[in-house]
Amino acid sequence: ANFPAGVLPNMYLVNSLFLFLMSLALISLIDR
């Protein structure tokens, strides 16, 4: 509603990066 639809592919790339970083952090902490 606030940005053109063309922004979605870039947002998916950003989300993938966040997922990678979050997975690394969670794997190292989850047992503790």
PDB file of all heavy atoms in Angstrom:
ATOM      1  N   ALA A   1       0.821  -1.212   0.000  1.00  0.00           N
ATOM      2  CA  ALA A   1       0.000   0.000   0.000  1.00  0.00           C
ATOM      3  C   ALA A   1       0.856   1.262   0.000  1.00  0.00           C
ATOM      4  O   ALA A   1       0.367   2.351  -0.334  1.00  0.00           O
ATOM      5  CB  ALA A   1      -0.927   0.002   1.215  1.00  0.00           C
ATOM      6  N   ASN A   2       2.137   1.112   0.353  1.00  0.00           N
ATOM      7  CA  ASN A   2       3.013   2.276   0.449  1.00  0.00           C
ATOM      8  C   ASN A   2       4.212   2.232  -0.496  1.00  0.00           C
ATOM      9  O   ASN A   2       4.903   3.241  -0.650  1.00  0.00           O
ATOM     10  CB  ASN A   2       3.526   2.402   1.889  1.00  0.00           C
ATOM     11  CG  ASN A   2       2.447   2.785   2.871  1.00  0.00           C
ATOM     12  OD1 ASN A   2       2.182   3.954   3.086  1.00  0.00           O
ATOM     13  ND2 ASN A   2       1.801   1.784   3.479  1.00  0.00           N
ATOM     14  N   PHE A   3       4.460   1.074  -1.114  1.00  0.00           N
ATOM     15  CA  PHE A   3       5.591   0.922  -2.027  1.00  0.00           C
ATOM     16  C   PHE A   3       5.148   0.123  -3.246  1.00  0.00           C
ATOM     17  O   PHE A   3       4.209  -0.665  -3.171  1.00  0.00           O
ATOM     18  CB  PHE A   3       6.754   0.195  -1.332  1.00  0.00           C
ATOM     19  CG  PHE A   3       7.424   0.992  -0.253  1.00  0.00           C
ATOM     20  CD1 PHE A   3       6.936   0.973   1.052  1.00  0.00           C
ATOM     21  CD2 PHE A   3       8.547   1.764  -0.540  1.00  0.00           C
ATOM     22  CE1 PHE A   3       7.552   1.714   2.055  1.00  0.00           C
ATOM     23  CE2 PHE A   3       9.169   2.503   0.453  1.00  0.00           C
ATOM     24  CZ  PHE A   3       8.675   2.484   1.759  1.00  0.00           C
ATOM     25  N   PRO A   4       5.826   0.290  -4.390  1.00  0.00           N
ATOM     26  CA  PRO A   4       5.478  -0.499  -5.591  1.00  0.00           C
ATOM     27  C   PRO A   4       5.803  -1.975  -5.394  1.00  0.00           C
ATOM     28  O   PRO A   4       6.667  -2.338  -4.579  1.00  0.00           O
ATOM     29  CB  PRO A   4       6.346   0.124  -6.689  1.00  0.00           C
ATOM     30  CG  PRO A   4       7.482   0.773  -5.966  1.00  0.00           C
ATOM     31  CD  PRO A   4       6.907   1.255  -4.661  1.00  0.00           C
ATOM     32  N   ALA A   5       5.153  -2.822  -6.163  1.00  0.00           N
ATOM     33  CA  ALA A   5       5.346  -4.272  -6.031  1.00  0.00           C
ATOM     34  C   ALA A   5       6.776  -4.700  -6.335  1.00  0.00           C
ATOM     35  O   ALA A   5       7.226  -5.748  -5.870  1.00  0.00           O
ATOM     36  CB  ALA A   5       4.374  -5.007  -6.958  1.00  0.00           C
ATOM     37  N   GLY A   6       7.507  -3.885  -7.091  1.00  0.00           N
ATOM     38  CA  GLY A   6       8.887  -4.218  -7.427  1.00  0.00           C
ATOM     39  C   GLY A   6       9.817  -4.281  -6.237  1.00  0.00           C
ATOM     40  O   GLY A   6      10.948  -4.784  -6.351  1.00  0.00           O
ATOM     41  N   VAL A   7       9.373  -3.802  -5.083  1.00  0.00           N
ATOM     42  CA  VAL A   7      10.217  -3.841  -3.899  1.00  0.00           C
ATOM     43  C   VAL A   7      10.283  -5.249  -3.288  1.00  0.00           C
ATOM     44  O   VAL A   7      11.214  -5.573  -2.547  1.00  0.00           O
ATOM     45  CB  VAL A   7       9.706  -2.825  -2.838  1.00  0.00           C
ATOM     46  CG1 VAL A   7       8.440  -3.345  -2.144  1.00  0.00           C
ATOM     47  CG2 VAL A   7      10.785  -2.529  -1.802  1.00  0.00           C
ATOM     48  N   LEU A   8       9.323  -6.098  -3.619  1.00  0.00           N
ATOM     49  CA  LEU A   8       9.244  -7.420  -2.987  1.00  0.00           C
ATOM     50  C   LEU A   8      10.471  -8.303  -3.220  1.00  0.00           C
ATOM     51  O   LEU A   8      10.961  -8.921  -2.262  1.00  0.00           O
ATOM     52  CB  LEU A   8       7.975  -8.145  -3.443  1.00  0.00           C
ATOM     53  CG  LEU A   8       6.673  -7.683  -2.795  1.00  0.00           C
ATOM     54  CD1 LEU A   8       5.485  -8.413  -3.412  1.00  0.00           C
ATOM     55  CD2 LEU A   8       6.710  -7.909  -1.287  1.00  0.00           C
ATOM     56  N   PRO A   9      11.008  -8.406  -4.470  1.00  0.00           N
ATOM     57  CA  PRO A   9      12.198  -9.254  -4.643  1.00  0.00           C
ATOM     58  C   PRO A   9      13.370  -8.824  -3.758  1.00  0.00           C
ATOM     59  O   PRO A   9      14.084  -9.672  -3.210  1.00  0.00           O
ATOM     60  CB  PRO A   9      12.532  -9.084  -6.138  1.00  0.00           C
ATOM     61  CG  PRO A   9      11.224  -8.753  -6.767  1.00  0.00           C
ATOM     62  CD  PRO A   9      10.512  -7.905  -5.763  1.00  0.00           C
ATOM     63  N   ASN A  10      13.560  -7.513  -3.613  1.00  0.00           N
ATOM     64  CA  ASN A  10      14.628  -7.031  -2.735  1.00  0.00           C
ATOM     65  C   ASN A  10      14.359  -7.372  -1.278  1.00  0.00           C
ATOM     66  O   ASN A  10      15.289  -7.720  -0.524  1.00  0.00           O
ATOM     67  CB  ASN A  10      14.796  -5.516  -2.888  1.00  0.00           C
ATOM     68  CG  ASN A  10      15.283  -5.118  -4.256  1.00  0.00           C
ATOM     69  OD1 ASN A  10      16.042  -5.852  -4.896  1.00  0.00           O
ATOM     70  ND2 ASN A  10      14.852  -3.962  -4.741  1.00  0.00           N
ATOM     71  N   MET A  11      13.106  -7.310  -0.886  1.00  0.00           N
ATOM     72  CA  MET A  11      12.750  -7.635   0.493  1.00  0.00           C
ATOM     73  C   MET A  11      12.965  -9.122   0.779  1.00  0.00           C
ATOM     74  O   MET A  11      13.372  -9.504   1.883  1.00  0.00           O
ATOM     75  CB  MET A  11      11.297  -7.252   0.776  1.00  0.00           C
ATOM     76  CG  MET A  11      11.029  -5.757   0.773  1.00  0.00           C
ATOM     77  SD  MET A  11      12.103  -4.813   1.877  1.00  0.00           S
ATOM     78  CE  MET A  11      11.817  -5.643   3.441  1.00  0.00           C
ATOM     79  N   TYR A  12      12.710  -9.959  -0.222  1.00  0.00           N
ATOM     80  CA  TYR A  12      12.952 -11.394  -0.036  1.00  0.00           C
ATOM     81  C   TYR A  12      14.437 -11.681   0.177  1.00  0.00           C
ATOM     82  O   TYR A  12      14.811 -12.556   0.965  1.00  0.00           O
ATOM     83  CB  TYR A  12      12.431 -12.183  -1.237  1.00  0.00           C
ATOM     84  CG  TYR A  12      10.927 -12.175  -1.384  1.00  0.00           C
ATOM     85  CD1 TYR A  12      10.331 -12.088  -2.635  1.00  0.00           C
ATOM     86  CD2 TYR A  12      10.103 -12.241  -0.263  1.00  0.00           C
ATOM     87  CE1 TYR A  12       8.947 -12.074  -2.771  1.00  0.00           C
ATOM     88  CE2 TYR A  12       8.723 -12.222  -0.393  1.00  0.00           C
ATOM     89  CZ  TYR A  12       8.150 -12.142  -1.645  1.00  0.00           C
ATOM     90  OH  TYR A  12       6.784 -12.124  -1.772  1.00  0.00           O
ATOM     91  N   LEU A  13      15.298 -10.939  -0.513  1.00  0.00           N
ATOM     92  CA  LEU A  13      16.741 -11.100  -0.326  1.00  0.00           C
ATOM     93  C   LEU A  13      17.152 -10.660   1.081  1.00  0.00           C
ATOM     94  O   LEU A  13      17.967 -11.325   1.737  1.00  0.00           O
ATOM     95  CB  LEU A  13      17.498 -10.284  -1.377  1.00  0.00           C
ATOM     96  CG  LEU A  13      17.441 -10.801  -2.813  1.00  0.00           C
ATOM     97  CD1 LEU A  13      18.135  -9.820  -3.755  1.00  0.00           C
ATOM     98  CD2 LEU A  13      18.090 -12.176  -2.925  1.00  0.00           C
ATOM     99  N   VAL A  14      16.590  -9.554   1.526  1.00  0.00           N
ATOM    100  CA  VAL A  14      16.881  -9.072   2.884  1.00  0.00           C
ATOM    101  C   VAL A  14      16.428 -10.104   3.916  1.00  0.00           C
ATOM    102  O   VAL A  14      17.147 -10.404   4.883  1.00  0.00           O
ATOM    103  CB  VAL A  14      16.188  -7.710   3.125  1.00  0.00           C
ATOM    104  CG1 VAL A  14      16.311  -7.302   4.589  1.00  0.00           C
ATOM    105  CG2 VAL A  14      16.795  -6.642   2.226  1.00  0.00           C
ATOM    106  N   ASN A  15      15.234 -10.660   3.705  1.00  0.00           N
ATOM    107  CA  ASN A  15      14.724 -11.671   4.641  1.00  0.00           C
ATOM    108  C   ASN A  15      15.612 -12.906   4.672  1.00  0.00           C
ATOM    109  O   ASN A  15      15.810 -13.516   5.734  1.00  0.00           O
ATOM    110  CB  ASN A  15      13.300 -12.066   4.244  1.00  0.00           C
ATOM    111  CG  ASN A  15      12.289 -10.977   4.544  1.00  0.00           C
ATOM    112  OD1 ASN A  15      12.631  -9.958   5.136  1.00  0.00           O
ATOM    113  ND2 ASN A  15      11.059 -11.167   4.113  1.00  0.00           N
ATOM    114  N   SER A  16      16.157 -13.292   3.533  1.00  0.00           N
ATOM    115  CA  SER A  16      17.046 -14.453   3.484  1.00  0.00           C
ATOM    116  C   SER A  16      18.307 -14.203   4.295  1.00  0.00           C
ATOM    117  O   SER A  16      18.796 -15.098   4.995  1.00  0.00           O
ATOM    118  CB  SER A  16      17.425 -14.775   2.034  1.00  0.00           C
ATOM    119  OG  SER A  16      16.280 -15.109   1.279  1.00  0.00           O
ATOM    120  N   LEU A  17      18.827 -12.984   4.217  1.00  0.00           N
ATOM    121  CA  LEU A  17      20.012 -12.635   5.008  1.00  0.00           C
ATOM    122  C   LEU A  17      19.705 -12.675   6.495  1.00  0.00           C
ATOM    123  O   LEU A  17      20.480 -13.230   7.289  1.00  0.00           O
ATOM    124  CB  LEU A  17      20.499 -11.240   4.612  1.00  0.00           C
ATOM    125  CG  LEU A  17      21.685 -10.682   5.411  1.00  0.00           C
ATOM    126  CD1 LEU A  17      22.915 -11.572   5.259  1.00  0.00           C
ATOM    127  CD2 LEU A  17      22.004  -9.255   4.977  1.00  0.00           C
ATOM    128  N   PHE A  18      18.563 -12.117   6.879  1.00  0.00           N
ATOM    129  CA  PHE A  18      18.153 -12.153   8.281  1.00  0.00           C
ATOM    130  C   PHE A  18      17.992 -13.598   8.768  1.00  0.00           C
ATOM    131  O   PHE A  18      18.368 -13.935   9.885  1.00  0.00           O
ATOM    132  CB  PHE A  18      16.841 -11.391   8.489  1.00  0.00           C
ATOM    133  CG  PHE A  18      17.010  -9.909   8.570  1.00  0.00           C
ATOM    134  CD1 PHE A  18      16.136  -9.058   7.901  1.00  0.00           C
ATOM    135  CD2 PHE A  18      18.030  -9.348   9.302  1.00  0.00           C
ATOM    136  CE1 PHE A  18      16.280  -7.679   7.968  1.00  0.00           C
ATOM    137  CE2 PHE A  18      18.191  -7.965   9.375  1.00  0.00           C
ATOM    138  CZ  PHE A  18      17.320  -7.137   8.709  1.00  0.00           C
ATOM    139  N   LEU A  19      17.426 -14.448   7.925  1.00  0.00           N
ATOM    140  CA  LEU A  19      17.228 -15.849   8.287  1.00  0.00           C
ATOM    141  C   LEU A  19      18.568 -16.547   8.520  1.00  0.00           C
ATOM    142  O   LEU A  19      18.726 -17.302   9.487  1.00  0.00           O
ATOM    143  CB  LEU A  19      16.452 -16.572   7.188  1.00  0.00           C
ATOM    144  CG  LEU A  19      16.251 -18.084   7.376  1.00  0.00           C
ATOM    145  CD1 LEU A  19      15.483 -18.375   8.651  1.00  0.00           C
ATOM    146  CD2 LEU A  19      15.524 -18.669   6.167  1.00  0.00           C
ATOM    147  N   PHE A  20      19.539 -16.276   7.662  1.00  0.00           N
ATOM    148  CA  PHE A  20      20.862 -16.876   7.802  1.00  0.00           C
ATOM    149  C   PHE A  20      21.515 -16.453   9.119  1.00  0.00           C
ATOM    150  O   PHE A  20      22.021 -17.284   9.878  1.00  0.00           O
ATOM    151  CB  PHE A  20      21.734 -16.477   6.615  1.00  0.00           C
ATOM    152  CG  PHE A  20      23.166 -16.928   6.726  1.00  0.00           C
ATOM    153  CD1 PHE A  20      23.500 -18.265   6.566  1.00  0.00           C
ATOM    154  CD2 PHE A  20      24.168 -16.005   6.998  1.00  0.00           C
ATOM    155  CE1 PHE A  20      24.820 -18.680   6.680  1.00  0.00           C
ATOM    156  CE2 PHE A  20      25.485 -16.413   7.114  1.00  0.00           C
ATOM    157  CZ  PHE A  20      25.820 -17.745   6.956  1.00  0.00           C
ATOM    158  N   LEU A  21      21.488 -15.156   9.409  1.00  0.00           N
ATOM    159  CA  LEU A  21      22.111 -14.647  10.625  1.00  0.00           C
ATOM    160  C   LEU A  21      21.401 -15.163  11.867  1.00  0.00           C
ATOM    161  O   LEU A  21      22.045 -15.530  12.861  1.00  0.00           O
ATOM    162  CB  LEU A  21      22.109 -13.117  10.608  1.00  0.00           C
ATOM    163  CG  LEU A  21      22.942 -12.458   9.504  1.00  0.00           C
ATOM    164  CD1 LEU A  21      22.741 -10.948   9.521  1.00  0.00           C
ATOM    165  CD2 LEU A  21      24.408 -12.808   9.665  1.00  0.00           C
ATOM    166  N   MET A  22      20.073 -15.200  11.815  1.00  0.00           N
ATOM    167  CA  MET A  22      19.306 -15.675  12.960  1.00  0.00           C
ATOM    168  C   MET A  22      19.566 -17.152  13.231  1.00  0.00           C
ATOM    169  O   MET A  22      19.698 -17.581  14.375  1.00  0.00           O
ATOM    170  CB  MET A  22      17.816 -15.448  12.710  1.00  0.00           C
ATOM    171  CG  MET A  22      16.918 -15.918  13.842  1.00  0.00           C
ATOM    172  SD  MET A  22      15.180 -15.830  13.376  1.00  0.00           S
ATOM    173  CE  MET A  22      15.110 -17.076  12.090  1.00  0.00           C
ATOM    174  N   SER A  23      19.684 -17.957  12.171  1.00  0.00           N
ATOM    175  CA  SER A  23      19.934 -19.385  12.328  1.00  0.00           C
ATOM    176  C   SER A  23      21.294 -19.630  12.974  1.00  0.00           C
ATOM    177  O   SER A  23      21.426 -20.474  13.864  1.00  0.00           O
ATOM    178  CB  SER A  23      19.863 -20.093  10.966  1.00  0.00           C
ATOM    179  OG  SER A  23      18.586 -19.954  10.402  1.00  0.00           O
ATOM    180  N   LEU A  24      22.310 -18.868  12.559  1.00  0.00           N
ATOM    181  CA  LEU A  24      23.631 -19.008  13.157  1.00  0.00           C
ATOM    182  C   LEU A  24      23.593 -18.690  14.651  1.00  0.00           C
ATOM    183  O   LEU A  24      24.170 -19.404  15.465  1.00  0.00           O
ATOM    184  CB  LEU A  24      24.626 -18.078  12.457  1.00  0.00           C
ATOM    185  CG  LEU A  24      25.058 -18.450  11.042  1.00  0.00           C
ATOM    186  CD1 LEU A  24      26.024 -17.409  10.507  1.00  0.00           C
ATOM    187  CD2 LEU A  24      25.705 -19.829  11.010  1.00  0.00           C
ATOM    188  N   ALA A  25      22.898 -17.604  14.999  1.00  0.00           N
ATOM    189  CA  ALA A  25      22.822 -17.203  16.401  1.00  0.00           C
ATOM    190  C   ALA A  25      22.048 -18.216  17.227  1.00  0.00           C
ATOM    191  O   ALA A  25      22.465 -18.583  18.337  1.00  0.00           O
ATOM    192  CB  ALA A  25      22.176 -15.825  16.509  1.00  0.00           C
ATOM    193  N   LEU A  26      20.937 -18.701  16.698  1.00  0.00           N
ATOM    194  CA  LEU A  26      20.090 -19.613  17.458  1.00  0.00           C
ATOM    195  C   LEU A  26      20.756 -20.969  17.664  1.00  0.00           C
ATOM    196  O   LEU A  26      20.673 -21.550  18.752  1.00  0.00           O
ATOM    197  CB  LEU A  26      18.749 -19.792  16.752  1.00  0.00           C
ATOM    198  CG  LEU A  26      17.656 -20.502  17.553  1.00  0.00           C
ATOM    199  CD1 LEU A  26      17.326 -19.715  18.803  1.00  0.00           C
ATOM    200  CD2 LEU A  26      16.406 -20.687  16.711  1.00  0.00           C
ATOM    201  N   ILE A  27      21.446 -21.473  16.657  1.00  0.00           N
ATOM    202  CA  ILE A  27      22.108 -22.768  16.770  1.00  0.00           C
ATOM    203  C   ILE A  27      23.168 -22.743  17.872  1.00  0.00           C
ATOM    204  O   ILE A  27      23.344 -23.714  18.610  1.00  0.00           O
ATOM    205  CB  ILE A  27      22.729 -23.172  15.410  1.00  0.00           C
ATOM    206  CG1 ILE A  27      21.621 -23.544  14.424  1.00  0.00           C
ATOM    207  CG2 ILE A  27      23.708 -24.340  15.572  1.00  0.00           C
ATOM    208  CD1 ILE A  27      22.101 -23.745  13.005  1.00  0.00           C
ATOM    209  N   SER A  28      23.856 -21.614  17.992  1.00  0.00           N
ATOM    210  CA  SER A  28      24.904 -21.515  18.999  1.00  0.00           C
ATOM    211  C   SER A  28      24.370 -21.309  20.416  1.00  0.00           C
ATOM    212  O   SER A  28      25.067 -21.569  21.394  1.00  0.00           O
ATOM    213  CB  SER A  28      25.860 -20.374  18.647  1.00  0.00           C
ATOM    214  OG  SER A  28      25.180 -19.124  18.678  1.00  0.00           O
ATOM    215  N   LEU A  29      23.122 -20.856  20.530  1.00  0.00           N
ATOM    216  CA  LEU A  29      22.572 -20.513  21.847  1.00  0.00           C
ATOM    217  C   LEU A  29      21.521 -21.480  22.374  1.00  0.00           C
ATOM    218  O   LEU A  29      21.316 -21.548  23.591  1.00  0.00           O
ATOM    219  CB  LEU A  29      21.945 -19.108  21.791  1.00  0.00           C
ATOM    220  CG  LEU A  29      22.881 -17.921  21.612  1.00  0.00           C
ATOM    221  CD1 LEU A  29      22.076 -16.647  21.432  1.00  0.00           C
ATOM    222  CD2 LEU A  29      23.810 -17.791  22.812  1.00  0.00           C
ATOM    223  N   ILE A  30      20.862 -22.217  21.494  1.00  0.00           N
ATOM    224  CA  ILE A  30      19.649 -22.925  21.871  1.00  0.00           C
ATOM    225  C   ILE A  30      19.859 -23.917  23.006  1.00  0.00           C
ATOM    226  O   ILE A  30      18.996 -24.085  23.871  1.00  0.00           O
ATOM    227  CB  ILE A  30      19.026 -23.631  20.635  1.00  0.00           C
ATOM    228  CG1 ILE A  30      17.606 -24.086  20.935  1.00  0.00           C
ATOM    229  CG2 ILE A  30      19.899 -24.771  20.164  1.00  0.00           C
ATOM    230  CD1 ILE A  30      16.637 -22.992  21.210  1.00  0.00           C
ATOM    231  N   ASP A  31      21.015 -24.594  23.048  1.00  0.00           N
ATOM    232  CA  ASP A  31      21.260 -25.573  24.101  1.00  0.00           C
ATOM    233  C   ASP A  31      21.554 -24.925  25.445  1.00  0.00           C
ATOM    234  O   ASP A  31      21.415 -25.567  26.488  1.00  0.00           O
ATOM    235  CB  ASP A  31      22.422 -26.495  23.710  1.00  0.00           C
ATOM    236  CG  ASP A  31      21.998 -27.565  22.703  1.00  0.00           C
ATOM    237  OD1 ASP A  31      20.798 -27.875  22.656  1.00  0.00           O
ATOM    238  OD2 ASP A  31      22.866 -28.071  21.974  1.00  0.00           O
ATOM    239  N   ARG A  32      21.995 -23.678  25.430  1.00  0.00           N
ATOM    240  CA  ARG A  32      22.339 -22.989  26.666  1.00  0.00           C
ATOM    241  C   ARG A  32      21.131 -22.320  27.324  1.00  0.00           C
ATOM    242  O   ARG A  32      21.176 -21.988  28.511  1.00  0.00           O
ATOM    243  CB  ARG A  32      23.402 -21.916  26.387  1.00  0.00           C
ATOM    244  CG  ARG A  32      24.661 -22.455  25.731  1.00  0.00           C
ATOM    245  CD  ARG A  32      25.594 -21.308  25.342  1.00  0.00           C
ATOM    246  NE  ARG A  32      26.726 -21.792  24.590  1.00  0.00           N
ATOM    247  CZ  ARG A  32      27.861 -22.227  25.128  1.00  0.00           C
ATOM    248  NH1 ARG A  32      27.992 -22.230  26.440  1.00  0.00           N
ATOM    249  NH2 ARG A  32      28.852 -22.646  24.369  1.00  0.00           N
TER     250      ARG A  32
END
